[in-house]
Amino acid sequence: MLISLQLDSETPLYEQLRNQIVIGIATGELAAQEKLPTVRQLADDLGINTMTVNKAYSILKQEGYIVIDRRHGAKVSPRMPEDAEPSAQLEAQLQLIIAQATIQGMDQSRFQTLCSQIFSKMTYRPSNV
């Protein structure tokens, strides 16, 4: 998976990294149980501080996207069960995105079309583990 960070973005680097890993999982670029690079290796590859990668990994672990084992490093979490409820945080994020789209003049039909186009690129399929 190719990770590209925008150094001049207002979005913090750790958040950009977290977002790209989540998208990688959703699109199938990162499979369940796939080993992620070590903190040091990824920091060196991206030319960023190890603490930045560590923060992104910590957030991903807290959110349940990855598991971290001292001996085996970080891996993509096993698939979440199909009956998992969307988090309140996800609903709040979606509400903000919809509000921003509305302010920018996007109507519901156009927003839903855009969502469908993006959703069709996601290959993640939950399975009970």
C-alpha atoms as a PDB file:
ATOM      1  CA  MET A   1       0.000   0.000   0.000  1.00  0.00           C
ATOM      2  CA  LEU A   2       1.361   3.369  -1.006  1.00  0.00           C
ATOM      3  CA  ILE A   3       1.006   6.061   1.645  1.00  0.00           C
ATOM      4  CA  SER A   4       1.306   9.683   0.620  1.00  0.00           C
ATOM      5  CA  LEU A   5       1.279  12.422   3.241  1.00  0.00           C
ATOM      6  CA  GLN A   6       0.645  16.076   2.483  1.00  0.00           C
ATOM      7  CA  LEU A   7       3.184  17.967   4.571  1.00  0.00           C
ATOM      8  CA  ASP A   8       1.519  21.321   3.843  1.00  0.00           C
ATOM      9  CA  SER A   9      -1.979  20.133   4.822  1.00  0.00           C
ATOM     10  CA  GLU A  10      -3.808  21.494   7.852  1.00  0.00           C
ATOM     11  CA  THR A  11      -4.657  17.884   8.738  1.00  0.00           C
ATOM     12  CA  PRO A  12      -2.044  16.523  11.170  1.00  0.00           C
ATOM     13  CA  LEU A  13       0.288  13.868   9.748  1.00  0.00           C
ATOM     14  CA  TYR A  14      -0.822  11.222  12.257  1.00  0.00           C
ATOM     15  CA  GLU A  15      -4.441  11.767  11.189  1.00  0.00           C
ATOM     16  CA  GLN A  16      -3.555  11.554   7.488  1.00  0.00           C
ATOM     17  CA  LEU A  17      -1.704   8.298   8.173  1.00  0.00           C
ATOM     18  CA  ARG A  18      -4.614   6.897  10.199  1.00  0.00           C
ATOM     19  CA  ASN A  19      -7.094   7.828   7.479  1.00  0.00           C
ATOM     20  CA  GLN A  20      -5.042   6.213   4.713  1.00  0.00           C
ATOM     21  CA  ILE A  21      -4.688   2.976   6.666  1.00  0.00           C
ATOM     22  CA  VAL A  22      -8.460   2.875   7.312  1.00  0.00           C
ATOM     23  CA  ILE A  23      -9.103   3.435   3.591  1.00  0.00           C
ATOM     24  CA  GLY A  24      -6.546   0.719   2.778  1.00  0.00           C
ATOM     25  CA  ILE A  25      -8.462  -1.736   4.967  1.00  0.00           C
ATOM     26  CA  ALA A  26     -11.817  -0.739   3.439  1.00  0.00           C
ATOM     27  CA  THR A  27     -10.584  -1.032  -0.153  1.00  0.00           C
ATOM     28  CA  GLY A  28      -8.883  -4.365   0.452  1.00  0.00           C
ATOM     29  CA  GLU A  29      -5.338  -3.079   0.001  1.00  0.00           C
ATOM     30  CA  LEU A  30      -4.726  -4.224   3.578  1.00  0.00           C
ATOM     31  CA  ALA A  31      -6.158  -7.624   4.447  1.00  0.00           C
ATOM     32  CA  ALA A  32      -7.271  -8.907   7.840  1.00  0.00           C
ATOM     33  CA  GLN A  33      -4.269 -10.128   9.856  1.00  0.00           C
ATOM     34  CA  GLU A  34      -1.832  -8.418   7.447  1.00  0.00           C
ATOM     35  CA  LYS A  35       1.331  -7.271   9.195  1.00  0.00           C
ATOM     36  CA  LEU A  36       1.969  -3.537   9.118  1.00  0.00           C
ATOM     37  CA  PRO A  37       5.446  -2.002   8.985  1.00  0.00           C
ATOM     38  CA  THR A  38       7.131  -1.328  12.304  1.00  0.00           C
ATOM     39  CA  VAL A  39       6.833   2.187  13.682  1.00  0.00           C
ATOM     40  CA  ARG A  40      10.492   2.876  12.930  1.00  0.00           C
ATOM     41  CA  GLN A  41      10.334   1.383   9.426  1.00  0.00           C
ATOM     42  CA  LEU A  42       7.233   3.349   8.423  1.00  0.00           C
ATOM     43  CA  ALA A  43       8.613   6.573   9.905  1.00  0.00           C
ATOM     44  CA  ASP A  44      11.852   6.106   7.948  1.00  0.00           C
ATOM     45  CA  ASP A  45       9.963   5.280   4.733  1.00  0.00           C
ATOM     46  CA  LEU A  46       7.773   8.375   5.066  1.00  0.00           C
ATOM     47  CA  GLY A  47      10.469  10.672   6.432  1.00  0.00           C
ATOM     48  CA  ILE A  48       8.503  11.524   9.563  1.00  0.00           C
ATOM     49  CA  ASN A  49       9.018  11.238  13.315  1.00  0.00           C
ATOM     50  CA  THR A  50       8.451   7.844  14.937  1.00  0.00           C
ATOM     51  CA  MET A  51       6.124   9.480  17.483  1.00  0.00           C
ATOM     52  CA  THR A  52       3.813  10.485  14.607  1.00  0.00           C
ATOM     53  CA  VAL A  53       3.510   6.871  13.435  1.00  0.00           C
ATOM     54  CA  ASN A  54       3.173   5.679  17.021  1.00  0.00           C
ATOM     55  CA  LYS A  55       0.265   8.086  17.594  1.00  0.00           C
ATOM     56  CA  ALA A  56      -1.492   6.930  14.409  1.00  0.00           C
ATOM     57  CA  TYR A  57      -1.044   3.266  15.375  1.00  0.00           C
ATOM     58  CA  SER A  58      -2.318   3.969  18.902  1.00  0.00           C
ATOM     59  CA  ILE A  59      -5.470   5.601  17.549  1.00  0.00           C
ATOM     60  CA  LEU A  60      -6.021   2.750  15.084  1.00  0.00           C
ATOM     61  CA  LYS A  61      -5.637   0.242  17.923  1.00  0.00           C
ATOM     62  CA  GLN A  62      -8.058   2.176  20.138  1.00  0.00           C
ATOM     63  CA  GLU A  63     -10.604   2.263  17.299  1.00  0.00           C
ATOM     64  CA  GLY A  64     -10.215  -1.488  16.714  1.00  0.00           C
ATOM     65  CA  TYR A  65      -8.707  -1.332  13.217  1.00  0.00           C
ATOM     66  CA  ILE A  66      -5.397  -2.909  14.227  1.00  0.00           C
ATOM     67  CA  VAL A  67      -4.013  -5.106  16.985  1.00  0.00           C
ATOM     68  CA  ILE A  68      -0.544  -4.622  18.422  1.00  0.00           C
ATOM     69  CA  ASP A  69       1.523  -7.418  19.929  1.00  0.00           C
ATOM     70  CA  ARG A  70       4.972  -6.696  21.353  1.00  0.00           C
ATOM     71  CA  ARG A  71       6.456  -9.797  19.742  1.00  0.00           C
ATOM     72  CA  HIS A  72       4.685  -9.699  16.383  1.00  0.00           C
ATOM     73  CA  GLY A  73       4.107  -5.985  15.841  1.00  0.00           C
ATOM     74  CA  ALA A  74       1.003  -4.364  14.395  1.00  0.00           C
ATOM     75  CA  LYS A  75      -1.505  -6.265  12.265  1.00  0.00           C
ATOM     76  CA  VAL A  76      -4.834  -5.430  10.699  1.00  0.00           C
ATOM     77  CA  SER A  77      -7.594  -6.635  13.024  1.00  0.00           C
ATOM     78  CA  PRO A  78      -9.667  -9.666  12.144  1.00  0.00           C
ATOM     79  CA  ARG A  79     -12.928  -8.808  10.441  1.00  0.00           C
ATOM     80  CA  MET A  80     -15.581  -7.171  12.576  1.00  0.00           C
ATOM     81  CA  PRO A  81     -18.870  -9.062  12.891  1.00  0.00           C
ATOM     82  CA  GLU A  82     -21.654  -8.072  10.516  1.00  0.00           C
ATOM     83  CA  ASP A  83     -23.946  -7.092  13.373  1.00  0.00           C
ATOM     84  CA  ALA A  84     -21.503  -4.515  14.774  1.00  0.00           C
ATOM     85  CA  GLU A  85     -23.302  -1.220  15.309  1.00  0.00           C
ATOM     86  CA  PRO A  86     -21.825   1.939  13.777  1.00  0.00           C
ATOM     87  CA  SER A  87     -20.175   4.040  16.444  1.00  0.00           C
ATOM     88  CA  ALA A  88     -21.502   7.365  17.666  1.00  0.00           C
ATOM     89  CA  GLN A  89     -18.216   8.853  16.455  1.00  0.00           C
ATOM     90  CA  LEU A  90     -18.914   7.626  12.914  1.00  0.00           C
ATOM     91  CA  GLU A  91     -22.389   9.148  13.014  1.00  0.00           C
ATOM     92  CA  ALA A  92     -20.962  12.476  14.226  1.00  0.00           C
ATOM     93  CA  GLN A  93     -18.340  12.471  11.458  1.00  0.00           C
ATOM     94  CA  LEU A  94     -20.979  11.700   8.854  1.00  0.00           C
ATOM     95  CA  GLN A  95     -23.200  14.474  10.183  1.00  0.00           C
ATOM     96  CA  LEU A  96     -20.319  16.939   9.813  1.00  0.00           C
ATOM     97  CA  ILE A  97     -19.586  15.788   6.249  1.00  0.00           C
ATOM     98  CA  ILE A  98     -23.259  16.141   5.297  1.00  0.00           C
ATOM     99  CA  ALA A  99     -23.364  19.613   6.871  1.00  0.00           C
ATOM    100  CA  GLN A 100     -20.277  20.662   4.890  1.00  0.00           C
ATOM    101  CA  ALA A 101     -21.766  19.309   1.654  1.00  0.00           C
ATOM    102  CA  THR A 102     -25.035  21.155   2.333  1.00  0.00           C
ATOM    103  CA  ILE A 103     -23.220  24.433   2.981  1.00  0.00           C
ATOM    104  CA  GLN A 104     -21.306  23.956  -0.281  1.00  0.00           C
ATOM    105  CA  GLY A 105     -24.606  23.687  -2.152  1.00  0.00           C
ATOM    106  CA  MET A 106     -24.766  19.925  -2.716  1.00  0.00           C
ATOM    107  CA  ASP A 107     -28.281  18.488  -2.733  1.00  0.00           C
ATOM    108  CA  GLN A 108     -29.224  15.119  -1.224  1.00  0.00           C
ATOM    109  CA  SER A 109     -29.433  13.320  -4.565  1.00  0.00           C
ATOM    110  CA  ARG A 110     -25.975  14.455  -5.654  1.00  0.00           C
ATOM    111  CA  PHE A 111     -24.551  13.606  -2.229  1.00  0.00           C
ATOM    112  CA  GLN A 112     -26.039  10.105  -2.346  1.00  0.00           C
ATOM    113  CA  THR A 113     -24.665   9.569  -5.858  1.00  0.00           C
ATOM    114  CA  LEU A 114     -21.200  10.599  -4.698  1.00  0.00           C
ATOM    115  CA  CYS A 115     -21.470   8.315  -1.660  1.00  0.00           C
ATOM    116  CA  SER A 116     -22.523   5.402  -3.888  1.00  0.00           C
ATOM    117  CA  GLN A 117     -19.549   5.965  -6.199  1.00  0.00           C
ATOM    118  CA  ILE A 118     -17.116   5.983  -3.291  1.00  0.00           C
ATOM    119  CA  PHE A 119     -18.838   3.070  -1.521  1.00  0.00           C
ATOM    120  CA  SER A 120     -18.541   0.913  -4.657  1.00  0.00           C
ATOM    121  CA  LYS A 121     -14.734   1.130  -4.368  1.00  0.00           C
ATOM    122  CA  MET A 122     -14.764  -0.403  -0.898  1.00  0.00           C
ATOM    123  CA  THR A 123     -14.220  -4.164  -0.908  1.00  0.00           C
ATOM    124  CA  TYR A 124     -14.195  -4.796   2.841  1.00  0.00           C
ATOM    125  CA  ARG A 125     -16.827  -7.347   3.728  1.00  0.00           C
ATOM    126  CA  PRO A 126     -17.479  -8.133   7.391  1.00  0.00           C
ATOM    127  CA  SER A 127     -17.361 -11.746   8.454  1.00  0.00           C
ATOM    128  CA  ASN A 128     -17.787 -13.401  11.808  1.00  0.00           C
ATOM    129  CA  VAL A 129     -14.461 -14.561  13.178  1.00  0.00           C
END
